[in-house]
N, C-alpha and C. Protein backbone atom coordinates (compact mmCIF):
# COMPACT_ATOMS: atom_id res chain seq x y z
N MET A 1 7.36 3.25 0.98
CA MET A 1 6.77 1.93 1.02
C MET A 1 7.05 1.26 2.37
N ARG A 2 8.22 1.51 2.94
CA ARG A 2 8.55 0.91 4.23
C ARG A 2 7.59 1.38 5.32
N LYS A 3 7.29 2.68 5.33
CA LYS A 3 6.40 3.24 6.34
C LYS A 3 4.99 2.66 6.19
N PHE A 4 4.54 2.51 4.97
CA PHE A 4 3.22 1.93 4.72
C PHE A 4 3.16 0.51 5.27
N TRP A 5 4.16 -0.31 4.96
CA TRP A 5 4.15 -1.69 5.41
C TRP A 5 4.24 -1.78 6.93
N ALA A 6 5.05 -0.95 7.54
CA ALA A 6 5.24 -1.00 8.99
C ALA A 6 3.94 -0.72 9.74
N SER A 7 3.05 0.07 9.16
CA SER A 7 1.83 0.42 9.87
C SER A 7 0.60 -0.31 9.34
N TRP A 8 0.75 -1.14 8.33
CA TRP A 8 -0.41 -1.72 7.69
C TRP A 8 -1.00 -2.89 8.48
N HIS A 9 -0.20 -3.85 8.80
CA HIS A 9 -0.70 -5.07 9.43
C HIS A 9 0.22 -5.39 10.61
N ILE A 10 0.15 -4.59 11.63
CA ILE A 10 1.14 -4.58 12.70
C ILE A 10 1.26 -5.92 13.42
N THR A 11 0.19 -6.51 13.87
CA THR A 11 0.26 -7.75 14.64
C THR A 11 0.89 -8.87 13.83
N LEU A 12 0.42 -9.07 12.62
CA LEU A 12 0.96 -10.12 11.77
C LEU A 12 2.42 -9.84 11.43
N THR A 13 2.73 -8.61 11.14
CA THR A 13 4.11 -8.23 10.81
C THR A 13 5.04 -8.50 11.98
N VAL A 14 4.63 -8.15 13.17
CA VAL A 14 5.47 -8.36 14.36
C VAL A 14 5.68 -9.85 14.59
N TRP A 15 4.62 -10.65 14.44
CA TRP A 15 4.76 -12.09 14.63
C TRP A 15 5.75 -12.68 13.63
N PHE A 16 5.58 -12.37 12.35
CA PHE A 16 6.50 -12.90 11.35
C PHE A 16 7.93 -12.38 11.56
N ARG A 17 8.05 -11.14 11.98
CA ARG A 17 9.38 -10.59 12.25
C ARG A 17 10.06 -11.35 13.39
N ASP A 18 9.34 -11.54 14.49
CA ASP A 18 9.93 -12.17 15.67
C ASP A 18 10.20 -13.65 15.50
N TYR A 19 9.31 -14.37 14.82
CA TYR A 19 9.43 -15.82 14.76
C TYR A 19 9.96 -16.37 13.45
N PHE A 20 10.04 -15.55 12.43
CA PHE A 20 10.59 -16.03 11.15
C PHE A 20 11.75 -15.16 10.66
N LEU A 21 11.50 -13.89 10.48
CA LEU A 21 12.47 -13.02 9.83
C LEU A 21 13.77 -12.90 10.61
N VAL A 22 13.69 -12.50 11.87
CA VAL A 22 14.91 -12.30 12.66
C VAL A 22 15.71 -13.59 12.83
N PRO A 23 15.07 -14.73 13.20
CA PRO A 23 15.86 -15.96 13.30
C PRO A 23 16.52 -16.38 11.98
N MET A 24 15.80 -16.19 10.87
CA MET A 24 16.38 -16.58 9.58
C MET A 24 17.51 -15.64 9.17
N LEU A 25 17.38 -14.35 9.46
CA LEU A 25 18.43 -13.39 9.11
C LEU A 25 19.70 -13.64 9.92
N LYS A 26 19.58 -14.24 11.09
CA LYS A 26 20.75 -14.54 11.91
C LYS A 26 21.61 -15.66 11.33
N LEU A 27 21.05 -16.42 10.40
CA LEU A 27 21.79 -17.53 9.80
C LEU A 27 22.89 -17.06 8.85
N SER A 28 22.68 -15.92 8.23
CA SER A 28 23.68 -15.38 7.30
C SER A 28 23.47 -13.88 7.18
N SER A 29 24.54 -13.18 6.81
CA SER A 29 24.42 -11.72 6.70
C SER A 29 24.64 -11.21 5.28
N THR A 30 24.61 -12.10 4.31
CA THR A 30 24.82 -11.65 2.93
C THR A 30 23.56 -10.98 2.39
N LYS A 31 23.74 -10.12 1.41
CA LYS A 31 22.59 -9.43 0.82
C LYS A 31 21.66 -10.41 0.10
N GLN A 32 22.25 -11.44 -0.51
CA GLN A 32 21.43 -12.43 -1.21
C GLN A 32 20.52 -13.16 -0.23
N TRP A 33 21.07 -13.55 0.92
CA TRP A 33 20.27 -14.23 1.94
C TRP A 33 19.18 -13.31 2.47
N LYS A 34 19.51 -12.05 2.68
CA LYS A 34 18.53 -11.08 3.16
C LYS A 34 17.38 -10.95 2.14
N PHE A 35 17.72 -10.91 0.87
CA PHE A 35 16.71 -10.84 -0.18
C PHE A 35 15.79 -12.06 -0.11
N ILE A 36 16.38 -13.25 -0.02
CA ILE A 36 15.60 -14.49 0.01
C ILE A 36 14.69 -14.54 1.23
N VAL A 37 15.22 -14.17 2.38
CA VAL A 37 14.44 -14.24 3.63
C VAL A 37 13.29 -13.23 3.61
N VAL A 38 13.54 -12.01 3.16
CA VAL A 38 12.47 -11.01 3.10
C VAL A 38 11.41 -11.45 2.09
N PHE A 39 11.84 -11.96 0.94
CA PHE A 39 10.90 -12.45 -0.06
C PHE A 39 10.05 -13.58 0.51
N LEU A 40 10.69 -14.56 1.16
CA LEU A 40 9.96 -15.67 1.76
C LEU A 40 9.01 -15.20 2.86
N ASN A 41 9.44 -14.23 3.62
CA ASN A 41 8.59 -13.68 4.68
C ASN A 41 7.30 -13.12 4.08
N LEU A 42 7.42 -12.32 3.05
CA LEU A 42 6.22 -11.74 2.42
C LEU A 42 5.39 -12.82 1.71
N PHE A 43 6.06 -13.80 1.12
CA PHE A 43 5.37 -14.93 0.49
C PHE A 43 4.54 -15.69 1.52
N LEU A 44 5.12 -15.97 2.68
CA LEU A 44 4.41 -16.68 3.74
C LEU A 44 3.25 -15.85 4.30
N ILE A 45 3.42 -14.55 4.38
CA ILE A 45 2.32 -13.69 4.82
C ILE A 45 1.17 -13.78 3.81
N GLY A 46 1.51 -13.86 2.53
CA GLY A 46 0.48 -14.05 1.50
C GLY A 46 -0.25 -15.37 1.67
N LEU A 47 0.50 -16.45 1.96
CA LEU A 47 -0.14 -17.75 2.19
C LEU A 47 -1.00 -17.72 3.45
N TRP A 48 -0.56 -17.00 4.46
CA TRP A 48 -1.31 -16.92 5.71
C TRP A 48 -2.68 -16.30 5.49
N HIS A 49 -2.79 -15.37 4.56
CA HIS A 49 -4.06 -14.68 4.33
C HIS A 49 -5.13 -15.60 3.74
N GLY A 50 -4.74 -16.67 3.09
CA GLY A 50 -5.74 -17.58 2.55
C GLY A 50 -5.17 -18.49 1.49
N ALA A 51 -5.99 -19.45 1.10
CA ALA A 51 -5.55 -20.45 0.14
C ALA A 51 -5.79 -20.00 -1.30
N ASN A 52 -5.80 -18.72 -1.53
CA ASN A 52 -6.02 -18.20 -2.87
C ASN A 52 -4.70 -17.60 -3.38
N TRP A 53 -4.39 -17.87 -4.62
CA TRP A 53 -3.14 -17.37 -5.19
C TRP A 53 -3.09 -15.86 -5.31
N THR A 54 -4.25 -15.22 -5.28
CA THR A 54 -4.26 -13.75 -5.36
C THR A 54 -3.55 -13.14 -4.16
N TYR A 55 -3.67 -13.78 -2.99
CA TYR A 55 -2.97 -13.27 -1.81
C TYR A 55 -1.45 -13.40 -1.97
N VAL A 56 -1.04 -14.51 -2.53
CA VAL A 56 0.40 -14.72 -2.75
C VAL A 56 0.91 -13.68 -3.74
N VAL A 57 0.17 -13.47 -4.84
CA VAL A 57 0.58 -12.47 -5.83
C VAL A 57 0.64 -11.08 -5.19
N THR A 58 -0.32 -10.78 -4.32
CA THR A 58 -0.33 -9.49 -3.63
C THR A 58 0.99 -9.25 -2.91
N PHE A 59 1.42 -10.22 -2.13
CA PHE A 59 2.62 -10.02 -1.32
C PHE A 59 3.91 -10.22 -2.10
N VAL A 60 3.87 -10.98 -3.18
CA VAL A 60 5.04 -11.05 -4.07
C VAL A 60 5.23 -9.69 -4.74
N LEU A 61 4.14 -9.09 -5.21
CA LEU A 61 4.23 -7.73 -5.77
C LEU A 61 4.75 -6.76 -4.73
N PHE A 62 4.23 -6.89 -3.52
CA PHE A 62 4.67 -5.99 -2.47
C PHE A 62 6.16 -6.16 -2.20
N SER A 63 6.65 -7.39 -2.27
CA SER A 63 8.09 -7.60 -2.06
C SER A 63 8.91 -6.95 -3.17
N VAL A 64 8.36 -6.92 -4.38
CA VAL A 64 9.05 -6.25 -5.48
C VAL A 64 9.18 -4.75 -5.20
N TYR A 65 8.16 -4.16 -4.56
CA TYR A 65 8.23 -2.74 -4.20
C TYR A 65 9.08 -2.50 -2.97
N TYR A 66 9.04 -3.44 -2.04
CA TYR A 66 9.62 -3.23 -0.71
C TYR A 66 11.12 -3.57 -0.64
N ILE A 67 11.54 -4.63 -1.27
CA ILE A 67 12.92 -5.10 -1.16
C ILE A 67 13.94 -4.08 -1.63
N PRO A 68 13.74 -3.35 -2.72
CA PRO A 68 14.74 -2.34 -3.10
C PRO A 68 15.01 -1.31 -2.01
N SER A 69 14.00 -0.95 -1.23
CA SER A 69 14.23 0.02 -0.16
C SER A 69 15.14 -0.54 0.93
N ILE A 70 15.16 -1.84 1.08
CA ILE A 70 16.05 -2.46 2.07
C ILE A 70 17.48 -2.46 1.55
N PHE A 71 17.66 -2.83 0.30
CA PHE A 71 19.01 -2.95 -0.23
C PHE A 71 19.69 -1.61 -0.44
N PHE A 72 18.94 -0.66 -0.92
CA PHE A 72 19.56 0.64 -1.14
C PHE A 72 19.62 1.45 0.14
N ASN A 73 18.73 1.12 1.07
CA ASN A 73 18.71 1.74 2.40
C ASN A 73 18.75 3.26 2.33
N LYS A 74 18.19 3.79 1.30
CA LYS A 74 18.11 5.24 1.12
C LYS A 74 16.69 5.57 0.71
N LYS A 75 16.27 6.71 1.10
CA LYS A 75 14.99 7.19 0.61
C LYS A 75 15.22 7.75 -0.78
N ILE A 76 14.25 7.54 -1.63
CA ILE A 76 14.35 8.12 -2.96
C ILE A 76 14.17 9.63 -2.82
N ARG A 77 15.16 10.35 -3.28
CA ARG A 77 15.12 11.80 -3.15
C ARG A 77 14.49 12.42 -4.39
N LEU A 78 13.30 12.88 -4.22
CA LEU A 78 12.63 13.60 -5.29
C LEU A 78 12.32 14.99 -4.76
N ARG A 79 13.31 15.83 -4.78
CA ARG A 79 13.11 17.18 -4.25
C ARG A 79 11.99 17.88 -5.01
N ASN A 80 11.17 18.54 -4.25
CA ASN A 80 10.03 19.28 -4.80
C ASN A 80 9.07 18.38 -5.57
N HIS A 81 9.10 17.08 -5.27
CA HIS A 81 8.21 16.15 -5.96
C HIS A 81 7.46 15.29 -4.95
N LYS A 82 7.05 15.87 -3.83
CA LYS A 82 6.27 15.12 -2.83
C LYS A 82 4.99 14.59 -3.47
N PHE A 83 4.39 15.41 -4.29
CA PHE A 83 3.14 15.03 -4.93
C PHE A 83 3.34 13.80 -5.82
N LEU A 84 4.45 13.75 -6.54
CA LEU A 84 4.77 12.60 -7.39
C LEU A 84 4.96 11.34 -6.56
N LYS A 85 5.62 11.46 -5.40
CA LYS A 85 5.82 10.31 -4.53
C LYS A 85 4.49 9.80 -3.98
N ILE A 86 3.60 10.70 -3.63
CA ILE A 86 2.29 10.30 -3.12
C ILE A 86 1.50 9.56 -4.20
N ILE A 87 1.52 10.09 -5.41
CA ILE A 87 0.80 9.45 -6.52
C ILE A 87 1.40 8.09 -6.84
N ALA A 88 2.73 7.99 -6.85
CA ALA A 88 3.38 6.71 -7.12
C ALA A 88 3.02 5.67 -6.06
N LEU A 89 3.06 6.05 -4.80
CA LEU A 89 2.69 5.13 -3.73
C LEU A 89 1.23 4.72 -3.85
N GLN A 90 0.35 5.67 -4.11
CA GLN A 90 -1.07 5.38 -4.27
C GLN A 90 -1.27 4.39 -5.42
N PHE A 91 -0.60 4.60 -6.53
CA PHE A 91 -0.72 3.73 -7.69
C PHE A 91 -0.24 2.31 -7.38
N LEU A 92 0.94 2.18 -6.75
CA LEU A 92 1.48 0.86 -6.43
C LEU A 92 0.61 0.12 -5.42
N VAL A 93 0.17 0.80 -4.41
CA VAL A 93 -0.68 0.16 -3.40
C VAL A 93 -2.00 -0.26 -4.02
N THR A 94 -2.56 0.58 -4.88
CA THR A 94 -3.82 0.24 -5.54
C THR A 94 -3.67 -1.01 -6.39
N ILE A 95 -2.58 -1.11 -7.14
CA ILE A 95 -2.37 -2.29 -7.98
C ILE A 95 -2.27 -3.55 -7.14
N HIS A 96 -1.47 -3.50 -6.09
CA HIS A 96 -1.32 -4.75 -5.34
C HIS A 96 -2.56 -5.07 -4.52
N LEU A 97 -3.35 -4.09 -4.13
CA LEU A 97 -4.59 -4.38 -3.40
C LEU A 97 -5.70 -4.89 -4.32
N VAL A 98 -5.60 -4.63 -5.62
CA VAL A 98 -6.56 -5.22 -6.56
C VAL A 98 -6.44 -6.75 -6.51
N PHE A 99 -5.20 -7.24 -6.48
CA PHE A 99 -5.01 -8.69 -6.38
C PHE A 99 -5.51 -9.22 -5.04
N PHE A 100 -5.35 -8.43 -3.99
CA PHE A 100 -5.80 -8.84 -2.66
C PHE A 100 -7.32 -8.96 -2.62
N ARG A 101 -8.00 -8.09 -3.32
CA ARG A 101 -9.46 -8.03 -3.29
C ARG A 101 -10.14 -9.05 -4.21
N GLU A 102 -9.57 -9.27 -5.37
CA GLU A 102 -10.24 -10.10 -6.38
C GLU A 102 -10.19 -11.59 -6.03
N ASP A 103 -11.11 -12.36 -6.63
CA ASP A 103 -11.21 -13.79 -6.36
C ASP A 103 -10.18 -14.62 -7.12
N SER A 104 -9.77 -14.12 -8.28
CA SER A 104 -8.81 -14.88 -9.09
C SER A 104 -7.83 -13.93 -9.78
N ILE A 105 -6.72 -14.48 -10.18
CA ILE A 105 -5.70 -13.68 -10.87
C ILE A 105 -6.22 -13.16 -12.21
N PRO A 106 -6.88 -14.00 -13.03
CA PRO A 106 -7.42 -13.46 -14.29
C PRO A 106 -8.42 -12.32 -14.08
N THR A 107 -9.23 -12.41 -13.04
CA THR A 107 -10.18 -11.34 -12.75
C THR A 107 -9.45 -10.05 -12.39
N ALA A 108 -8.41 -10.18 -11.57
CA ALA A 108 -7.62 -9.00 -11.18
C ALA A 108 -6.94 -8.37 -12.40
N LEU A 109 -6.37 -9.20 -13.27
CA LEU A 109 -5.71 -8.69 -14.48
C LEU A 109 -6.73 -8.02 -15.40
N HIS A 110 -7.92 -8.61 -15.51
CA HIS A 110 -8.99 -8.02 -16.33
C HIS A 110 -9.38 -6.65 -15.77
N TYR A 111 -9.53 -6.58 -14.47
CA TYR A 111 -9.88 -5.31 -13.82
C TYR A 111 -8.82 -4.25 -14.07
N LEU A 112 -7.54 -4.63 -13.88
CA LEU A 112 -6.44 -3.67 -14.10
C LEU A 112 -6.37 -3.24 -15.57
N LYS A 113 -6.59 -4.19 -16.47
CA LYS A 113 -6.55 -3.87 -17.90
C LYS A 113 -7.61 -2.83 -18.25
N HIS A 114 -8.83 -3.05 -17.76
CA HIS A 114 -9.91 -2.12 -18.09
C HIS A 114 -9.85 -0.82 -17.30
N THR A 115 -9.13 -0.83 -16.22
CA THR A 115 -8.99 0.40 -15.44
C THR A 115 -7.90 1.30 -15.99
N TYR A 116 -6.76 0.71 -16.35
CA TYR A 116 -5.59 1.52 -16.72
C TYR A 116 -5.25 1.50 -18.20
N ILE A 117 -5.74 0.54 -18.96
CA ILE A 117 -5.35 0.44 -20.37
C ILE A 117 -6.52 0.76 -21.29
N ASP A 118 -7.59 -0.03 -21.20
CA ASP A 118 -8.73 0.15 -22.10
C ASP A 118 -9.62 1.32 -21.71
N LEU A 119 -9.69 1.59 -20.42
CA LEU A 119 -10.55 2.64 -19.87
C LEU A 119 -12.02 2.43 -20.23
N ARG A 120 -12.39 1.18 -20.46
CA ARG A 120 -13.80 0.85 -20.67
C ARG A 120 -14.33 0.29 -19.36
N LEU A 121 -14.68 1.16 -18.47
CA LEU A 121 -15.15 0.75 -17.17
C LEU A 121 -16.61 0.36 -17.24
N THR A 122 -17.02 -0.53 -16.36
CA THR A 122 -18.42 -0.96 -16.35
C THR A 122 -19.28 0.01 -15.56
N THR A 123 -18.68 0.99 -14.93
CA THR A 123 -19.46 1.96 -14.17
C THR A 123 -19.93 3.08 -15.08
N SER A 124 -20.84 3.86 -14.56
CA SER A 124 -21.35 4.97 -15.34
C SER A 124 -20.31 6.09 -15.41
N PHE A 125 -20.57 7.01 -16.30
CA PHE A 125 -19.68 8.16 -16.47
C PHE A 125 -19.57 8.95 -15.18
N MET A 126 -20.69 9.15 -14.48
CA MET A 126 -20.68 9.91 -13.23
C MET A 126 -19.89 9.18 -12.14
N ASP A 127 -20.05 7.86 -12.06
CA ASP A 127 -19.29 7.10 -11.07
C ASP A 127 -17.79 7.20 -11.34
N TYR A 128 -17.44 7.16 -12.61
CA TYR A 128 -16.03 7.25 -12.99
C TYR A 128 -15.45 8.59 -12.54
N TRP A 129 -16.13 9.68 -12.85
CA TRP A 129 -15.61 11.00 -12.49
C TRP A 129 -15.69 11.25 -10.99
N PHE A 130 -16.68 10.69 -10.34
CA PHE A 130 -16.74 10.78 -8.88
C PHE A 130 -15.53 10.09 -8.27
N SER A 131 -15.17 8.93 -8.80
CA SER A 131 -13.98 8.20 -8.31
C SER A 131 -12.72 9.01 -8.55
N ILE A 132 -12.59 9.60 -9.71
CA ILE A 132 -11.41 10.42 -10.03
C ILE A 132 -11.32 11.62 -9.08
N ILE A 133 -12.43 12.28 -8.85
CA ILE A 133 -12.44 13.44 -7.94
C ILE A 133 -12.12 13.01 -6.52
N LEU A 134 -12.67 11.89 -6.09
CA LEU A 134 -12.41 11.39 -4.74
C LEU A 134 -10.94 11.03 -4.56
N ILE A 135 -10.38 10.31 -5.50
CA ILE A 135 -8.96 9.94 -5.41
C ILE A 135 -8.08 11.17 -5.43
N THR A 136 -8.38 12.11 -6.32
CA THR A 136 -7.60 13.35 -6.39
C THR A 136 -7.67 14.11 -5.08
N SER A 137 -8.86 14.19 -4.50
CA SER A 137 -8.98 14.92 -3.23
C SER A 137 -8.22 14.21 -2.11
N LEU A 138 -8.21 12.88 -2.10
CA LEU A 138 -7.44 12.15 -1.09
C LEU A 138 -5.94 12.37 -1.26
N VAL A 139 -5.48 12.41 -2.50
CA VAL A 139 -4.06 12.68 -2.75
C VAL A 139 -3.70 14.08 -2.30
N ILE A 140 -4.57 15.05 -2.55
CA ILE A 140 -4.32 16.44 -2.13
C ILE A 140 -4.29 16.53 -0.60
N VAL A 141 -5.23 15.87 0.08
CA VAL A 141 -5.23 15.87 1.55
C VAL A 141 -3.95 15.24 2.07
N GLU A 142 -3.53 14.13 1.48
CA GLU A 142 -2.28 13.48 1.89
C GLU A 142 -1.09 14.41 1.68
N PHE A 143 -1.09 15.12 0.59
CA PHE A 143 0.01 16.04 0.28
C PHE A 143 0.14 17.13 1.34
N PHE A 144 -0.98 17.70 1.73
CA PHE A 144 -0.93 18.80 2.68
C PHE A 144 -0.84 18.35 4.14
N SER A 145 -1.10 17.08 4.40
CA SER A 145 -1.04 16.60 5.79
C SER A 145 0.09 15.61 6.00
N LYS A 146 1.10 15.67 5.16
CA LYS A 146 2.20 14.71 5.22
C LYS A 146 2.89 14.68 6.58
N ASN A 147 3.14 15.82 7.19
CA ASN A 147 3.85 15.87 8.47
C ASN A 147 2.91 16.17 9.63
N LYS A 148 1.64 15.90 9.45
CA LYS A 148 0.65 16.17 10.49
C LYS A 148 0.24 14.86 11.15
N THR A 149 -0.34 14.98 12.35
CA THR A 149 -0.83 13.79 13.04
C THR A 149 -2.12 13.29 12.41
N HIS A 150 -2.95 14.19 11.96
CA HIS A 150 -4.21 13.84 11.31
C HIS A 150 -4.51 14.90 10.25
N PRO A 151 -5.24 14.52 9.20
CA PRO A 151 -5.47 15.44 8.08
C PRO A 151 -6.13 16.75 8.44
N LEU A 152 -7.06 16.76 9.37
CA LEU A 152 -7.77 17.99 9.70
C LEU A 152 -6.95 18.94 10.56
N GLU A 153 -5.75 18.54 10.92
CA GLU A 153 -4.87 19.43 11.68
C GLU A 153 -4.51 20.65 10.84
N ASN A 154 -4.59 20.52 9.52
CA ASN A 154 -4.31 21.65 8.63
C ASN A 154 -5.25 22.83 8.88
N PHE A 155 -6.45 22.54 9.33
CA PHE A 155 -7.46 23.57 9.50
C PHE A 155 -7.52 24.12 10.92
N ASN A 156 -6.70 23.61 11.81
CA ASN A 156 -6.66 24.04 13.22
C ASN A 156 -8.03 23.98 13.87
N LEU A 157 -8.77 22.92 13.59
CA LEU A 157 -10.10 22.75 14.18
C LEU A 157 -9.98 22.11 15.56
N PRO A 158 -10.79 22.54 16.50
CA PRO A 158 -10.78 21.87 17.80
C PRO A 158 -11.36 20.46 17.69
N ILE A 159 -11.02 19.63 18.64
CA ILE A 159 -11.40 18.22 18.58
C ILE A 159 -12.91 18.02 18.52
N TYR A 160 -13.69 18.87 19.16
CA TYR A 160 -15.15 18.70 19.14
C TYR A 160 -15.74 19.00 17.76
N LEU A 161 -14.99 19.66 16.87
CA LEU A 161 -15.43 19.84 15.48
C LEU A 161 -14.85 18.78 14.55
N ARG A 162 -13.63 18.34 14.87
CA ARG A 162 -12.97 17.33 14.03
C ARG A 162 -13.72 16.00 14.05
N TRP A 163 -14.12 15.51 15.24
CA TRP A 163 -14.73 14.20 15.34
C TRP A 163 -16.06 14.08 14.58
N PRO A 164 -16.93 15.08 14.62
CA PRO A 164 -18.14 14.97 13.78
C PRO A 164 -17.81 14.90 12.28
N ILE A 165 -16.77 15.59 11.88
CA ILE A 165 -16.36 15.52 10.46
C ILE A 165 -15.86 14.13 10.14
N TYR A 166 -15.01 13.57 11.00
CA TYR A 166 -14.53 12.20 10.79
C TYR A 166 -15.70 11.20 10.74
N LEU A 167 -16.63 11.36 11.67
CA LEU A 167 -17.78 10.47 11.71
C LEU A 167 -18.61 10.61 10.44
N GLY A 168 -18.81 11.84 9.98
CA GLY A 168 -19.55 12.06 8.75
C GLY A 168 -18.86 11.46 7.54
N LEU A 169 -17.55 11.55 7.49
CA LEU A 169 -16.82 10.95 6.37
C LEU A 169 -16.88 9.43 6.42
N PHE A 170 -16.87 8.89 7.62
CA PHE A 170 -16.92 7.44 7.79
C PHE A 170 -18.27 6.87 7.39
N LEU A 171 -19.32 7.58 7.75
CA LEU A 171 -20.66 7.07 7.46
C LEU A 171 -21.02 7.38 6.03
């Protein structure tokens, strides 16, 4: 989760780090203060995104995922379970981005309920399975390209073949 956050919103993260987080952390070195400051930092980033409570909920959820990694300062060791870690990260990021995307908290909760609990989606059967296949293929690509610079490095393709593939996937 730390790596995801560090690369997600770099400019905003650096600004909040330099002008809020670091000065506030210098006031005290207790773990409780660190928890409060990191939580407030993510809360303020949520407010910065807009005057909608869904943004605040997004970053409060993210702080729930992110803060334990600071306090324990250890990576969760799941030997031979890279795939499980990728799926867990995908699931957590998807949940908190639902709140980021939706217009209201009740709408986001309704969407999550019908996606993960009721499974009564408003999309067609084909759209549902296409989504499942697409997500599964993205998780598999992530699994095999974990230590690579780019996903297509697995295939040892030259750059003049990689870029048309990237462009095709983008379009």
